N, C-alpha and C. Protein backbone atom coordinates (compact mmCIF):
# COMPACT_ATOMS: atom_id res chain seq x y z
N MET A 1 39.42 24.01 43.18
CA MET A 1 39.54 25.09 44.17
C MET A 1 38.53 26.18 43.87
N PRO A 2 37.72 26.61 44.87
CA PRO A 2 36.74 27.65 44.62
C PRO A 2 37.42 28.94 44.22
N PRO A 3 36.82 29.74 43.28
CA PRO A 3 37.45 30.98 42.82
C PRO A 3 37.73 31.96 43.91
N PHE A 4 36.87 32.03 44.99
CA PHE A 4 37.07 33.06 46.01
C PHE A 4 38.27 32.78 46.89
N ARG A 5 38.88 31.57 46.78
CA ARG A 5 40.07 31.28 47.57
C ARG A 5 41.33 31.32 46.72
N SER A 6 41.18 31.56 45.40
CA SER A 6 42.33 31.48 44.52
C SER A 6 43.38 32.52 44.87
N SER A 7 42.97 33.79 45.01
CA SER A 7 43.93 34.87 45.25
C SER A 7 44.65 34.64 46.60
N TRP A 8 43.93 34.20 47.66
CA TRP A 8 44.56 33.92 48.95
C TRP A 8 45.60 32.82 48.80
N TYR A 9 45.24 31.78 48.06
CA TYR A 9 46.16 30.67 47.90
C TYR A 9 47.43 31.11 47.15
N VAL A 10 47.25 31.90 46.10
CA VAL A 10 48.42 32.36 45.32
C VAL A 10 49.31 33.24 46.18
N ARG A 11 48.69 34.18 46.95
CA ARG A 11 49.52 35.06 47.80
C ARG A 11 50.32 34.25 48.79
N THR A 12 49.72 33.22 49.39
CA THR A 12 50.42 32.41 50.41
C THR A 12 51.61 31.68 49.79
N VAL A 13 51.39 31.04 48.62
CA VAL A 13 52.46 30.29 47.99
C VAL A 13 53.57 31.22 47.51
N LEU A 14 53.21 32.35 46.92
CA LEU A 14 54.20 33.22 46.35
C LEU A 14 55.02 33.93 47.43
N SER A 15 54.38 34.23 48.55
CA SER A 15 55.13 34.88 49.62
C SER A 15 56.21 33.93 50.18
N ALA A 16 55.91 32.63 50.12
CA ALA A 16 56.88 31.64 50.63
C ALA A 16 58.00 31.41 49.64
N THR A 17 57.72 31.57 48.35
CA THR A 17 58.73 31.26 47.35
C THR A 17 59.37 32.52 46.75
N ARG A 18 58.93 33.74 47.17
CA ARG A 18 59.53 34.99 46.73
C ARG A 18 59.46 35.14 45.19
N VAL A 19 58.29 34.93 44.62
CA VAL A 19 58.11 35.11 43.19
C VAL A 19 57.97 36.59 42.90
N PRO A 20 58.52 37.11 41.78
CA PRO A 20 58.40 38.53 41.45
C PRO A 20 56.97 38.97 41.41
N LYS A 21 56.73 40.28 41.70
CA LYS A 21 55.37 40.84 41.81
C LYS A 21 54.62 40.72 40.49
N ALA A 22 55.27 41.00 39.36
CA ALA A 22 54.59 40.96 38.07
C ALA A 22 54.06 39.57 37.78
N ARG A 23 54.87 38.55 38.08
CA ARG A 23 54.44 37.18 37.86
C ARG A 23 53.33 36.81 38.81
N CYS A 24 53.35 37.35 40.01
CA CYS A 24 52.30 37.10 40.99
C CYS A 24 50.96 37.60 40.46
N VAL A 25 50.96 38.83 39.93
CA VAL A 25 49.71 39.40 39.39
C VAL A 25 49.20 38.56 38.23
N ALA A 26 50.10 38.11 37.39
CA ALA A 26 49.70 37.30 36.22
C ALA A 26 49.07 35.98 36.67
N MET A 27 49.63 35.37 37.70
CA MET A 27 49.09 34.09 38.16
C MET A 27 47.74 34.26 38.83
N VAL A 28 47.58 35.35 39.59
CA VAL A 28 46.26 35.63 40.21
C VAL A 28 45.21 35.80 39.12
N PHE A 29 45.54 36.54 38.06
CA PHE A 29 44.60 36.76 36.97
C PHE A 29 44.26 35.45 36.29
N LEU A 30 45.27 34.55 36.12
CA LEU A 30 45.04 33.26 35.48
C LEU A 30 44.10 32.40 36.32
N PHE A 31 44.32 32.37 37.63
CA PHE A 31 43.44 31.60 38.50
C PHE A 31 42.00 32.11 38.43
N ALA A 32 41.84 33.43 38.43
CA ALA A 32 40.49 34.01 38.37
C ALA A 32 39.83 33.70 37.04
N LEU A 33 40.61 33.76 35.96
CA LEU A 33 40.07 33.47 34.64
C LEU A 33 39.61 32.03 34.51
N LEU A 34 40.44 31.11 35.01
CA LEU A 34 40.06 29.69 34.95
C LEU A 34 38.86 29.40 35.81
N GLY A 35 38.75 30.05 36.95
CA GLY A 35 37.58 29.88 37.82
C GLY A 35 36.32 30.37 37.15
N GLY A 36 36.40 31.57 36.51
CA GLY A 36 35.24 32.12 35.80
C GLY A 36 34.82 31.27 34.64
N THR A 37 35.81 30.73 33.89
CA THR A 37 35.50 29.87 32.75
C THR A 37 34.81 28.61 33.22
N SER A 38 35.26 28.03 34.32
CA SER A 38 34.63 26.83 34.84
C SER A 38 33.18 27.12 35.25
N ALA A 39 32.96 28.27 35.90
CA ALA A 39 31.59 28.61 36.32
C ALA A 39 30.68 28.79 35.13
N CYS A 40 31.17 29.42 34.07
CA CYS A 40 30.37 29.63 32.86
C CYS A 40 30.02 28.29 32.24
N ALA A 41 31.00 27.37 32.20
CA ALA A 41 30.74 26.06 31.61
C ALA A 41 29.67 25.32 32.40
N GLN A 42 29.73 25.40 33.74
CA GLN A 42 28.72 24.74 34.53
C GLN A 42 27.34 25.36 34.30
N GLN A 43 27.28 26.69 34.13
CA GLN A 43 26.01 27.34 33.88
C GLN A 43 25.43 26.92 32.53
N GLN A 44 26.29 26.78 31.52
CA GLN A 44 25.81 26.40 30.20
C GLN A 44 25.23 24.98 30.22
N LYS A 45 25.78 24.10 31.04
CA LYS A 45 25.30 22.72 31.10
C LYS A 45 23.90 22.64 31.68
N THR A 46 23.45 23.68 32.37
CA THR A 46 22.14 23.63 32.99
C THR A 46 21.04 24.08 32.03
N SER A 47 21.36 24.52 30.82
CA SER A 47 20.37 24.97 29.83
C SER A 47 20.38 24.05 28.63
N THR A 48 19.23 24.01 27.94
CA THR A 48 19.08 23.26 26.70
C THR A 48 18.76 24.25 25.60
N ARG A 49 19.64 24.37 24.59
CA ARG A 49 19.46 25.33 23.53
C ARG A 49 19.36 24.63 22.20
N LEU A 50 18.38 25.05 21.38
CA LEU A 50 18.23 24.56 20.04
C LEU A 50 18.67 25.67 19.09
N ASP A 51 19.77 25.46 18.41
CA ASP A 51 20.32 26.44 17.47
C ASP A 51 19.63 26.27 16.12
N LEU A 52 18.68 27.16 15.84
CA LEU A 52 17.90 27.03 14.62
C LEU A 52 18.54 27.71 13.42
N THR A 53 19.79 28.18 13.58
CA THR A 53 20.57 28.59 12.41
C THR A 53 21.29 27.39 11.79
N ASP A 54 21.19 26.24 12.47
CA ASP A 54 21.78 24.99 11.98
C ASP A 54 20.73 24.25 11.15
N ALA A 55 21.02 24.01 9.89
CA ALA A 55 20.05 23.36 8.99
C ALA A 55 19.69 21.96 9.48
N ALA A 56 20.63 21.26 10.11
CA ALA A 56 20.36 19.91 10.60
C ALA A 56 19.32 19.93 11.71
N VAL A 57 19.37 20.95 12.56
CA VAL A 57 18.39 21.08 13.65
C VAL A 57 17.03 21.47 13.06
N VAL A 58 17.01 22.37 12.11
CA VAL A 58 15.76 22.81 11.49
C VAL A 58 15.05 21.64 10.79
N SER A 59 15.83 20.72 10.23
CA SER A 59 15.22 19.59 9.51
C SER A 59 14.40 18.69 10.42
N LEU A 60 14.59 18.80 11.74
CA LEU A 60 13.84 17.97 12.69
C LEU A 60 12.47 18.56 13.03
N TRP A 61 12.17 19.76 12.56
CA TRP A 61 10.89 20.40 12.83
C TRP A 61 9.92 20.14 11.68
N GLN A 62 8.62 20.09 12.04
CA GLN A 62 7.57 19.78 11.07
C GLN A 62 6.60 20.96 10.93
N PRO A 63 6.24 21.33 9.67
CA PRO A 63 5.20 22.33 9.45
C PRO A 63 3.83 21.74 9.67
N THR A 64 3.40 21.69 10.92
CA THR A 64 2.24 20.89 11.31
C THR A 64 0.90 21.42 10.76
N HIS A 65 0.69 22.76 10.84
CA HIS A 65 -0.63 23.27 10.47
C HIS A 65 -0.51 24.70 9.99
N ASP A 66 -1.17 25.01 8.90
CA ASP A 66 -1.22 26.37 8.33
C ASP A 66 0.17 26.96 8.11
N VAL A 67 1.11 26.09 7.76
CA VAL A 67 2.48 26.53 7.44
C VAL A 67 2.83 25.86 6.10
N SER A 68 3.13 26.68 5.11
CA SER A 68 3.40 26.13 3.78
C SER A 68 4.79 25.48 3.71
N LYS A 69 5.75 26.04 4.42
CA LYS A 69 7.07 25.43 4.44
C LYS A 69 7.93 26.01 5.55
N ILE A 70 8.97 25.28 5.90
CA ILE A 70 9.99 25.70 6.86
C ILE A 70 11.32 25.76 6.12
N GLU A 71 12.03 26.86 6.28
CA GLU A 71 13.34 27.03 5.62
C GLU A 71 14.43 27.23 6.65
N ALA A 72 15.57 26.62 6.38
CA ALA A 72 16.77 26.88 7.19
C ALA A 72 17.55 28.04 6.52
N THR A 73 17.72 29.13 7.26
CA THR A 73 18.43 30.31 6.75
C THR A 73 19.54 30.65 7.72
N PRO A 74 20.50 31.51 7.31
CA PRO A 74 21.56 31.93 8.25
C PRO A 74 21.01 32.66 9.48
N ASP A 75 19.81 33.24 9.37
CA ASP A 75 19.22 33.94 10.50
C ASP A 75 18.44 33.02 11.43
N GLY A 76 18.07 31.84 10.92
CA GLY A 76 17.30 30.93 11.75
C GLY A 76 16.25 30.19 10.96
N MET A 77 15.33 29.54 11.66
CA MET A 77 14.24 28.78 11.03
C MET A 77 13.16 29.74 10.57
N ARG A 78 12.97 29.86 9.25
CA ARG A 78 11.96 30.74 8.72
C ARG A 78 10.68 29.96 8.45
N ILE A 79 9.61 30.43 9.07
CA ILE A 79 8.30 29.76 8.96
C ILE A 79 7.44 30.57 8.00
N GLN A 80 6.99 29.94 6.93
CA GLN A 80 6.11 30.59 5.95
C GLN A 80 4.66 30.30 6.36
N ILE A 81 3.97 31.35 6.84
CA ILE A 81 2.62 31.19 7.37
C ILE A 81 1.60 31.22 6.24
N SER A 82 0.65 30.29 6.27
CA SER A 82 -0.34 30.22 5.19
C SER A 82 -1.78 30.07 5.68
N GLY A 83 -2.05 30.43 6.93
CA GLY A 83 -3.42 30.33 7.44
C GLY A 83 -3.57 31.01 8.79
N SER A 84 -4.76 30.89 9.35
CA SER A 84 -5.10 31.62 10.57
C SER A 84 -4.60 30.93 11.84
N ASP A 85 -4.21 29.69 11.76
CA ASP A 85 -3.76 28.97 12.97
C ASP A 85 -2.47 28.21 12.70
N PRO A 86 -1.38 28.95 12.46
CA PRO A 86 -0.12 28.28 12.12
C PRO A 86 0.59 27.72 13.35
N TYR A 87 1.23 26.56 13.18
CA TYR A 87 2.14 26.08 14.23
C TYR A 87 3.06 25.02 13.65
N VAL A 88 4.22 24.92 14.30
CA VAL A 88 5.24 23.93 13.92
C VAL A 88 5.59 23.12 15.15
N THR A 89 6.03 21.89 14.93
CA THR A 89 6.33 20.97 16.04
C THR A 89 7.76 20.47 15.93
N GLY A 90 8.43 20.47 17.07
CA GLY A 90 9.83 20.08 17.11
C GLY A 90 10.03 18.67 17.65
N PRO A 91 11.30 18.21 17.66
CA PRO A 91 11.62 16.87 18.14
C PRO A 91 11.66 16.84 19.68
N PRO A 92 11.69 15.66 20.27
CA PRO A 92 11.84 15.58 21.74
C PRO A 92 13.16 16.24 22.20
N VAL A 93 13.08 16.94 23.32
CA VAL A 93 14.27 17.59 23.90
C VAL A 93 14.39 17.17 25.36
N GLN A 94 15.57 17.40 25.94
CA GLN A 94 15.82 17.09 27.33
C GLN A 94 15.92 18.39 28.11
N PRO A 95 14.84 18.82 28.79
CA PRO A 95 14.88 20.09 29.53
C PRO A 95 15.79 19.97 30.77
N PRO A 96 16.26 21.09 31.27
CA PRO A 96 17.02 21.05 32.53
C PRO A 96 16.12 20.54 33.68
N VAL A 97 16.76 19.89 34.62
CA VAL A 97 16.03 19.42 35.81
C VAL A 97 15.91 20.59 36.78
N ALA A 98 14.72 21.16 36.85
CA ALA A 98 14.49 22.33 37.70
C ALA A 98 13.00 22.43 38.00
N SER A 99 12.66 23.10 39.10
CA SER A 99 11.28 23.22 39.50
C SER A 99 10.50 24.22 38.65
N ALA A 100 11.22 25.10 37.96
CA ALA A 100 10.61 26.09 37.07
C ALA A 100 11.64 26.44 35.99
N LEU A 101 11.12 26.86 34.83
CA LEU A 101 12.00 27.12 33.69
C LEU A 101 11.64 28.43 33.00
N TRP A 102 12.60 28.89 32.20
CA TRP A 102 12.38 29.97 31.24
C TRP A 102 12.37 29.35 29.85
N ILE A 103 11.43 29.77 29.02
CA ILE A 103 11.49 29.48 27.60
C ILE A 103 11.97 30.77 26.92
N ARG A 104 13.17 30.70 26.38
CA ARG A 104 13.77 31.88 25.76
C ARG A 104 13.84 31.69 24.24
N LEU A 105 13.51 32.73 23.49
CA LEU A 105 13.57 32.67 22.05
C LEU A 105 14.08 33.99 21.48
N ARG A 106 14.71 33.90 20.34
CA ARG A 106 15.05 35.10 19.55
C ARG A 106 14.20 35.03 18.29
N VAL A 107 13.33 36.06 18.09
CA VAL A 107 12.28 35.95 17.08
C VAL A 107 12.22 37.24 16.22
N PHE A 108 11.89 37.03 14.94
CA PHE A 108 11.56 38.14 14.04
C PHE A 108 10.26 37.79 13.35
N SER A 109 9.24 38.60 13.53
CA SER A 109 7.93 38.36 12.92
C SER A 109 7.55 39.51 12.00
N GLN A 110 7.15 39.18 10.78
CA GLN A 110 6.72 40.23 9.85
C GLN A 110 5.45 40.94 10.30
N GLU A 111 4.52 40.18 10.85
CA GLU A 111 3.25 40.77 11.28
C GLU A 111 3.21 41.14 12.75
N GLY A 112 3.88 40.38 13.58
CA GLY A 112 3.80 40.60 15.02
C GLY A 112 2.50 40.05 15.58
N GLY A 113 2.45 39.99 16.92
CA GLY A 113 1.24 39.47 17.57
C GLY A 113 1.60 38.48 18.64
N LEU A 114 0.66 37.57 18.93
CA LEU A 114 0.82 36.62 20.01
C LEU A 114 1.61 35.37 19.56
N LEU A 115 2.65 35.06 20.29
CA LEU A 115 3.42 33.81 20.09
C LEU A 115 3.13 32.90 21.27
N GLN A 116 2.84 31.62 20.96
CA GLN A 116 2.53 30.66 22.02
C GLN A 116 3.40 29.42 21.85
N VAL A 117 3.91 28.91 22.98
CA VAL A 117 4.74 27.72 22.99
C VAL A 117 4.08 26.66 23.84
N PHE A 118 3.82 25.50 23.24
CA PHE A 118 3.27 24.36 23.96
C PHE A 118 4.43 23.41 24.30
N PHE A 119 4.38 22.80 25.47
CA PHE A 119 5.39 21.81 25.89
C PHE A 119 4.62 20.59 26.39
N PHE A 120 4.88 19.44 25.78
CA PHE A 120 4.03 18.27 26.06
C PHE A 120 4.80 16.99 25.82
N SER A 121 4.23 15.89 26.35
CA SER A 121 4.80 14.56 26.12
C SER A 121 3.93 13.76 25.16
N THR A 122 2.61 13.89 25.29
CA THR A 122 1.70 13.13 24.42
C THR A 122 0.96 14.02 23.44
N HIS A 123 0.24 15.04 23.97
CA HIS A 123 -0.48 15.96 23.08
C HIS A 123 -0.51 17.34 23.76
N PRO A 124 -0.55 18.42 22.98
CA PRO A 124 -0.52 19.76 23.55
C PRO A 124 -1.85 20.13 24.19
N THR A 125 -1.76 20.89 25.29
CA THR A 125 -2.93 21.44 25.97
C THR A 125 -2.65 22.89 26.34
N GLU A 126 -3.72 23.64 26.52
CA GLU A 126 -3.57 25.05 26.88
C GLU A 126 -2.89 25.18 28.25
N GLU A 127 -3.16 24.22 29.15
CA GLU A 127 -2.57 24.31 30.48
C GLU A 127 -1.05 24.15 30.44
N ARG A 128 -0.55 23.45 29.46
CA ARG A 128 0.89 23.26 29.32
C ARG A 128 1.40 24.11 28.16
N SER A 129 1.21 25.40 28.29
CA SER A 129 1.66 26.34 27.27
C SER A 129 2.01 27.67 27.91
N ALA A 130 2.76 28.46 27.17
CA ALA A 130 3.15 29.81 27.63
C ALA A 130 3.11 30.73 26.41
N ARG A 131 2.87 32.02 26.66
CA ARG A 131 2.68 32.92 25.54
C ARG A 131 3.26 34.30 25.85
N THR A 132 3.51 35.03 24.78
CA THR A 132 4.01 36.40 24.91
C THR A 132 3.71 37.13 23.59
N ASN A 133 3.76 38.47 23.64
CA ASN A 133 3.53 39.29 22.45
C ASN A 133 4.86 39.62 21.78
N ILE A 134 4.84 39.58 20.44
CA ILE A 134 6.02 39.86 19.63
C ILE A 134 5.74 41.13 18.79
N PRO A 135 6.66 42.09 18.83
CA PRO A 135 6.46 43.30 18.00
C PRO A 135 6.59 42.98 16.50
N ARG A 136 6.12 43.90 15.71
CA ARG A 136 6.15 43.73 14.26
C ARG A 136 7.51 44.14 13.67
N ALA A 137 8.02 43.26 12.81
CA ALA A 137 9.23 43.54 12.01
C ALA A 137 10.39 44.03 12.87
N LYS A 138 10.69 43.26 13.92
CA LYS A 138 11.79 43.66 14.83
C LYS A 138 12.33 42.41 15.49
N TRP A 139 13.66 42.24 15.44
CA TRP A 139 14.28 41.15 16.20
C TRP A 139 14.14 41.42 17.69
N ILE A 140 13.76 40.39 18.43
CA ILE A 140 13.57 40.57 19.87
C ILE A 140 13.90 39.25 20.57
N ASP A 141 14.51 39.38 21.76
CA ASP A 141 14.75 38.23 22.63
C ASP A 141 13.67 38.24 23.71
N VAL A 142 12.97 37.13 23.85
CA VAL A 142 11.90 37.06 24.85
C VAL A 142 12.19 35.90 25.82
N ALA A 143 11.69 36.03 27.03
CA ALA A 143 11.79 34.99 28.06
C ALA A 143 10.40 34.79 28.66
N ILE A 144 9.88 33.59 28.55
CA ILE A 144 8.52 33.30 29.02
C ILE A 144 8.63 32.32 30.18
N PRO A 145 8.03 32.64 31.35
CA PRO A 145 8.08 31.68 32.47
C PRO A 145 7.25 30.44 32.20
N ALA A 146 7.78 29.31 32.63
CA ALA A 146 7.12 28.02 32.42
C ALA A 146 7.40 27.11 33.59
N PRO A 147 6.57 26.10 33.82
CA PRO A 147 6.83 25.14 34.91
C PRO A 147 7.90 24.12 34.51
N ALA A 148 8.14 23.18 35.40
CA ALA A 148 9.07 22.11 35.10
C ALA A 148 8.56 21.24 33.95
N MET A 149 9.48 20.62 33.23
CA MET A 149 9.12 19.79 32.09
C MET A 149 9.76 18.42 32.24
N ALA A 150 9.06 17.41 31.72
CA ALA A 150 9.53 16.04 31.81
C ALA A 150 10.58 15.76 30.72
N PRO A 151 11.38 14.71 30.91
CA PRO A 151 12.32 14.32 29.83
C PRO A 151 11.54 14.00 28.54
N ASN A 152 12.24 14.24 27.43
CA ASN A 152 11.66 13.98 26.10
C ASN A 152 10.42 14.84 25.82
N THR A 153 10.42 16.03 26.39
CA THR A 153 9.35 16.97 26.08
C THR A 153 9.44 17.45 24.63
N ARG A 154 8.30 17.63 24.00
CA ARG A 154 8.24 18.19 22.65
C ARG A 154 7.70 19.62 22.73
N LEU A 155 8.16 20.46 21.83
CA LEU A 155 7.75 21.84 21.76
C LEU A 155 6.92 22.06 20.51
N ARG A 156 5.82 22.79 20.65
CA ARG A 156 5.05 23.27 19.51
C ARG A 156 5.02 24.77 19.58
N ILE A 157 5.42 25.43 18.51
CA ILE A 157 5.48 26.89 18.47
C ILE A 157 4.43 27.39 17.53
N ASP A 158 3.53 28.23 18.06
CA ASP A 158 2.53 28.91 17.26
C ASP A 158 3.02 30.34 16.98
N PRO A 159 3.52 30.62 15.78
CA PRO A 159 4.07 31.95 15.52
C PRO A 159 2.98 32.98 15.37
N PRO A 160 3.29 34.25 15.58
CA PRO A 160 2.28 35.30 15.42
C PRO A 160 1.97 35.55 13.96
N GLY A 161 0.75 36.07 13.70
CA GLY A 161 0.36 36.43 12.35
C GLY A 161 -0.42 35.34 11.64
N THR A 162 -1.04 35.75 10.53
CA THR A 162 -1.79 34.81 9.68
C THR A 162 -1.23 34.75 8.27
N ARG A 163 -0.16 35.48 8.04
CA ARG A 163 0.50 35.46 6.73
C ARG A 163 1.93 35.96 6.93
N GLY A 164 2.69 35.95 5.84
CA GLY A 164 4.08 36.40 5.93
C GLY A 164 4.96 35.33 6.55
N THR A 165 6.05 35.78 7.15
CA THR A 165 7.02 34.82 7.74
C THR A 165 7.32 35.19 9.19
N CYS A 166 7.79 34.19 9.90
CA CYS A 166 8.32 34.37 11.26
C CYS A 166 9.62 33.58 11.33
N THR A 167 10.70 34.21 11.77
CA THR A 167 12.01 33.56 11.82
C THR A 167 12.43 33.43 13.30
N ILE A 168 12.87 32.26 13.66
CA ILE A 168 13.32 31.99 15.05
C ILE A 168 14.76 31.56 14.99
N ALA A 169 15.64 32.32 15.64
CA ALA A 169 17.07 32.05 15.61
C ALA A 169 17.45 30.91 16.56
N TRP A 170 16.85 30.89 17.75
CA TRP A 170 17.16 29.83 18.71
C TRP A 170 16.04 29.75 19.75
N VAL A 171 15.97 28.60 20.36
CA VAL A 171 15.06 28.36 21.49
C VAL A 171 15.88 27.76 22.62
N GLU A 172 15.66 28.26 23.82
CA GLU A 172 16.45 27.78 24.98
C GLU A 172 15.53 27.55 26.15
N LEU A 173 15.76 26.43 26.85
CA LEU A 173 15.11 26.11 28.12
C LEU A 173 16.13 26.28 29.21
N ALA A 174 15.85 27.14 30.16
CA ALA A 174 16.83 27.45 31.22
C ALA A 174 16.13 27.44 32.58
N PRO A 175 16.85 27.05 33.64
CA PRO A 175 16.26 27.05 34.97
C PRO A 175 15.82 28.46 35.37
N ARG A 176 14.72 28.52 36.11
CA ARG A 176 14.18 29.79 36.58
C ARG A 176 14.10 29.74 38.11
N ALA A 177 14.73 30.71 38.76
CA ALA A 177 14.71 30.77 40.22
C ALA A 177 13.36 31.29 40.70
N VAL A 178 12.74 30.60 41.64
CA VAL A 178 11.46 31.01 42.18
C VAL A 178 11.66 31.38 43.64
N PRO A 179 11.41 32.65 44.00
CA PRO A 179 11.61 33.05 45.41
C PRO A 179 10.68 32.27 46.34
N THR A 180 11.17 31.89 47.49
CA THR A 180 10.39 31.20 48.48
C THR A 180 10.22 32.07 49.70
N LEU A 181 9.06 31.98 50.33
CA LEU A 181 8.78 32.78 51.52
C LEU A 181 9.62 32.25 52.70
N PRO A 182 10.19 33.15 53.49
CA PRO A 182 10.95 32.68 54.65
C PRO A 182 10.02 32.06 55.69
N GLN A 183 10.57 31.15 56.48
CA GLN A 183 9.81 30.51 57.53
C GLN A 183 9.93 31.37 58.81
N TRP A 184 9.00 32.35 58.91
CA TRP A 184 9.05 33.22 60.08
C TRP A 184 8.60 32.45 61.32
N PRO A 185 9.22 32.73 62.49
CA PRO A 185 8.73 32.08 63.72
C PRO A 185 7.34 32.59 64.09
N ARG A 186 6.53 31.68 64.56
CA ARG A 186 5.17 32.04 64.96
C ARG A 186 5.20 32.86 66.23
N PRO A 187 4.55 34.04 66.24
CA PRO A 187 4.60 34.86 67.46
C PRO A 187 3.87 34.20 68.61
N ALA A 188 4.46 34.33 69.79
CA ALA A 188 3.84 33.75 71.00
C ALA A 188 2.84 34.71 71.59
N VAL A 189 1.80 34.17 72.19
CA VAL A 189 0.79 35.01 72.87
C VAL A 189 1.38 35.50 74.18
N PRO A 190 1.41 36.85 74.38
CA PRO A 190 1.99 37.34 75.64
C PRO A 190 1.16 36.94 76.85
N ALA A 191 1.87 36.70 77.96
CA ALA A 191 1.19 36.34 79.21
C ALA A 191 0.63 37.61 79.83
N LEU A 192 -0.67 37.64 80.13
CA LEU A 192 -1.34 38.79 80.74
C LEU A 192 -1.58 38.55 82.22
N VAL A 193 -1.50 39.64 83.01
CA VAL A 193 -1.80 39.56 84.44
C VAL A 193 -3.10 40.24 84.70
N SER A 194 -3.74 39.92 85.80
CA SER A 194 -5.07 40.47 86.11
C SER A 194 -5.00 41.84 86.74
N THR A 195 -3.83 42.29 87.22
CA THR A 195 -3.69 43.59 87.88
C THR A 195 -2.46 44.29 87.36
N ILE A 196 -2.59 45.60 87.04
CA ILE A 196 -1.50 46.40 86.55
C ILE A 196 -1.31 47.56 87.53
N ALA A 197 -0.12 47.76 88.04
CA ALA A 197 0.18 48.84 88.97
C ALA A 197 0.84 49.98 88.21
N VAL A 198 0.34 51.23 88.44
CA VAL A 198 0.90 52.42 87.83
C VAL A 198 1.32 53.34 88.97
N ARG A 199 2.58 53.70 89.03
CA ARG A 199 3.10 54.51 90.11
C ARG A 199 3.53 55.87 89.56
N SER A 200 3.13 56.92 90.22
CA SER A 200 3.47 58.30 89.82
C SER A 200 4.31 58.93 90.90
N THR A 201 5.31 59.72 90.45
CA THR A 201 6.19 60.41 91.41
C THR A 201 6.09 61.92 91.22
N SER A 202 4.95 62.40 90.74
CA SER A 202 4.77 63.84 90.51
C SER A 202 4.87 64.58 91.83
N ARG A 203 5.51 65.76 91.80
CA ARG A 203 5.69 66.59 93.02
C ARG A 203 4.84 67.85 92.98
N LEU A 204 3.76 67.86 92.18
CA LEU A 204 2.88 69.01 92.19
C LEU A 204 2.23 69.16 93.57
N ALA A 205 2.03 70.42 93.96
CA ALA A 205 1.52 70.69 95.32
C ALA A 205 0.11 70.17 95.51
N SER A 206 -0.68 70.15 94.39
CA SER A 206 -2.06 69.70 94.49
C SER A 206 -2.19 68.20 94.57
N ARG A 207 -1.08 67.47 94.41
CA ARG A 207 -1.13 66.03 94.46
C ARG A 207 -0.21 65.51 95.54
N PRO A 208 -0.49 64.38 96.04
CA PRO A 208 0.43 63.80 97.03
C PRO A 208 1.76 63.46 96.36
N PRO A 209 2.84 63.47 97.09
CA PRO A 209 4.15 63.24 96.52
C PRO A 209 4.26 61.87 95.81
N GLU A 210 3.43 60.92 96.20
CA GLU A 210 3.51 59.64 95.58
C GLU A 210 2.13 59.00 95.56
N ALA A 211 1.67 58.56 94.42
CA ALA A 211 0.32 57.94 94.33
C ALA A 211 0.46 56.63 93.60
N GLU A 212 -0.35 55.74 93.99
CA GLU A 212 -0.36 54.43 93.35
C GLU A 212 -1.78 54.09 92.93
N CYS A 213 -1.93 53.69 91.68
CA CYS A 213 -3.27 53.34 91.16
C CYS A 213 -3.22 51.85 90.77
N LEU A 214 -4.27 51.18 91.08
CA LEU A 214 -4.42 49.79 90.73
C LEU A 214 -5.58 49.61 89.75
N PHE A 215 -5.31 48.94 88.66
CA PHE A 215 -6.36 48.65 87.67
C PHE A 215 -6.55 47.13 87.65
N GLY A 216 -7.77 46.75 87.71
CA GLY A 216 -8.07 45.31 87.65
C GLY A 216 -9.13 45.02 86.65
N TYR A 217 -9.15 43.80 86.19
CA TYR A 217 -10.20 43.38 85.27
C TYR A 217 -10.45 41.91 85.52
N GLY A 218 -11.60 41.47 85.09
CA GLY A 218 -11.94 40.06 85.31
C GLY A 218 -12.36 39.80 86.73
N SER A 219 -12.64 38.60 87.00
CA SER A 219 -13.05 38.21 88.30
C SER A 219 -12.05 37.24 88.93
């Protein structure tokens, strides 16, 4: 039953059975709560989240380049940066089926700077990547717009900085709504006439009581 019909349904049933008012209010609240819980569950199913506070999930990531090690900590996956071009690569994931996505992350970077996320099936390319700036020494939640992704997409994360650590608590892929332009009706060309009549009813003494002017154009 849709949530917006729950209260109407309860009122109808209770009025017929003469249930006390207090119990009526409680049942309406219960119906609304169950409807909201169901909606939240459906929304959660549309996103893919990698919980990087889970050591088992962190173990699936590889310190691919300029990263000395990856650690699983209670705060998330801690990346120890050891060069000018650090990046780590994750396992295949199943993105939501949507025409556009958000890449959401919770990040703490000791140095701050540019964070880049590649999403690919075979090999990473600049065209299939998204980026954002991360402040220094501050936990921040970021959302980066990205296009649709294929099943079994892999993520490569290039953390900011050339030294120190970067900790990522979680990564989430979520559907992104893209506004579409309305289909406006095409305006029609007005039909024009070759002669326009203008009639005046001025009663000034210097003018006739009624005058008619004709304007023409074309041949």
